[in-house]
Protein backbone atom coordinates (compact mmCIF):
# COMPACT_ATOMS: atom_id res chain seq x y z
CA MET A 1 0.15 0.00 -0.14
CA THR A 2 1.18 3.33 -0.76
CA ALA A 3 1.30 6.48 2.03
CA PHE A 4 -1.45 7.29 0.54
CA MET A 5 -3.73 4.61 0.61
CA HIS A 6 -2.58 4.06 4.07
CA GLU A 7 -3.63 7.73 5.47
CA VAL A 8 -6.78 7.71 3.82
CA LEU A 9 -7.30 4.19 5.72
CA PHE A 10 -6.00 5.82 8.87
CA TYR A 11 -8.83 8.73 8.92
CA THR A 12 -11.88 6.53 7.43
CA LEU A 13 -10.80 4.35 11.33
CA THR A 14 -10.50 7.39 12.49
CA ALA A 15 -13.92 8.82 11.46
CA LEU A 16 -15.41 4.99 12.41
CA LEU A 17 -13.79 5.29 15.61
CA LEU A 18 -15.52 8.28 16.72
CA LEU A 19 -18.89 7.18 15.64
CA THR A 20 -18.48 4.01 17.05
CA LEU A 21 -17.75 6.01 20.75
CA ILE A 22 -21.31 8.31 20.34
CA PRO A 23 -23.65 5.16 20.97
CA LEU A 24 -20.99 4.65 24.09
CA ILE A 25 -21.91 7.69 25.61
CA ILE A 26 -26.10 8.41 24.34
CA LEU A 27 -26.28 4.53 25.44
CA PRO A 28 -27.89 3.73 29.06
CA ALA A 29 -25.64 1.39 31.15
CA ASN A 30 -27.79 -1.46 30.65
CA ASN A 31 -28.50 -1.64 27.17
CA PRO A 32 -27.28 -5.04 25.49
CA ALA A 33 -26.86 -2.96 22.43
CA ARG A 34 -24.20 -1.45 24.73
CA SER A 35 -22.07 -4.66 24.61
CA LEU A 36 -21.83 -5.13 21.15
CA ASP A 37 -20.97 -1.62 20.38
CA VAL A 38 -17.78 -1.92 22.86
CA LEU A 39 -17.05 -4.89 20.97
CA ASP A 40 -17.39 -3.00 17.49
CA LEU A 41 -14.65 -0.30 19.40
CA VAL A 42 -12.41 -2.77 19.83
CA ILE A 43 -12.45 -4.18 16.59
CA VAL A 44 -12.24 -0.33 15.46
CA LEU A 45 -9.27 0.79 17.93
CA ALA A 46 -7.13 -2.50 16.95
CA PHE A 47 -6.90 -1.92 13.46
CA TRP A 48 -6.54 1.73 13.98
CA LEU A 49 -3.65 1.26 15.89
CA TYR A 50 -2.57 -1.70 13.01
CA ILE A 51 -2.66 1.16 10.59
CA LEU A 52 -0.99 3.64 12.60
CA ILE A 53 1.76 1.59 13.54
CA ARG A 54 2.21 0.90 9.56
CA LEU A 55 2.03 4.67 9.14
CA VAL A 56 5.01 4.80 11.38
CA ARG A 57 7.17 1.95 10.22
CA GLU A 58 6.39 3.18 6.21
CA ARG A 59 7.85 6.94 7.15
CA ARG A 60 10.64 5.41 8.91
CA GLY A 61 12.09 3.13 6.38
């Protein structure tokens, strides 16, 4: 992947990360959908960190 593609993916995942945080704030604590949102947040955060690490490695090397 090129650096531009990595940056586009990084910004897209950042927006998705922010969008997954909104239901955590809005939903009540005992709502079952909140646990699914936490799972989504973990998955998106993992991809976000992976892309961030790839971007840093690519810019160094």
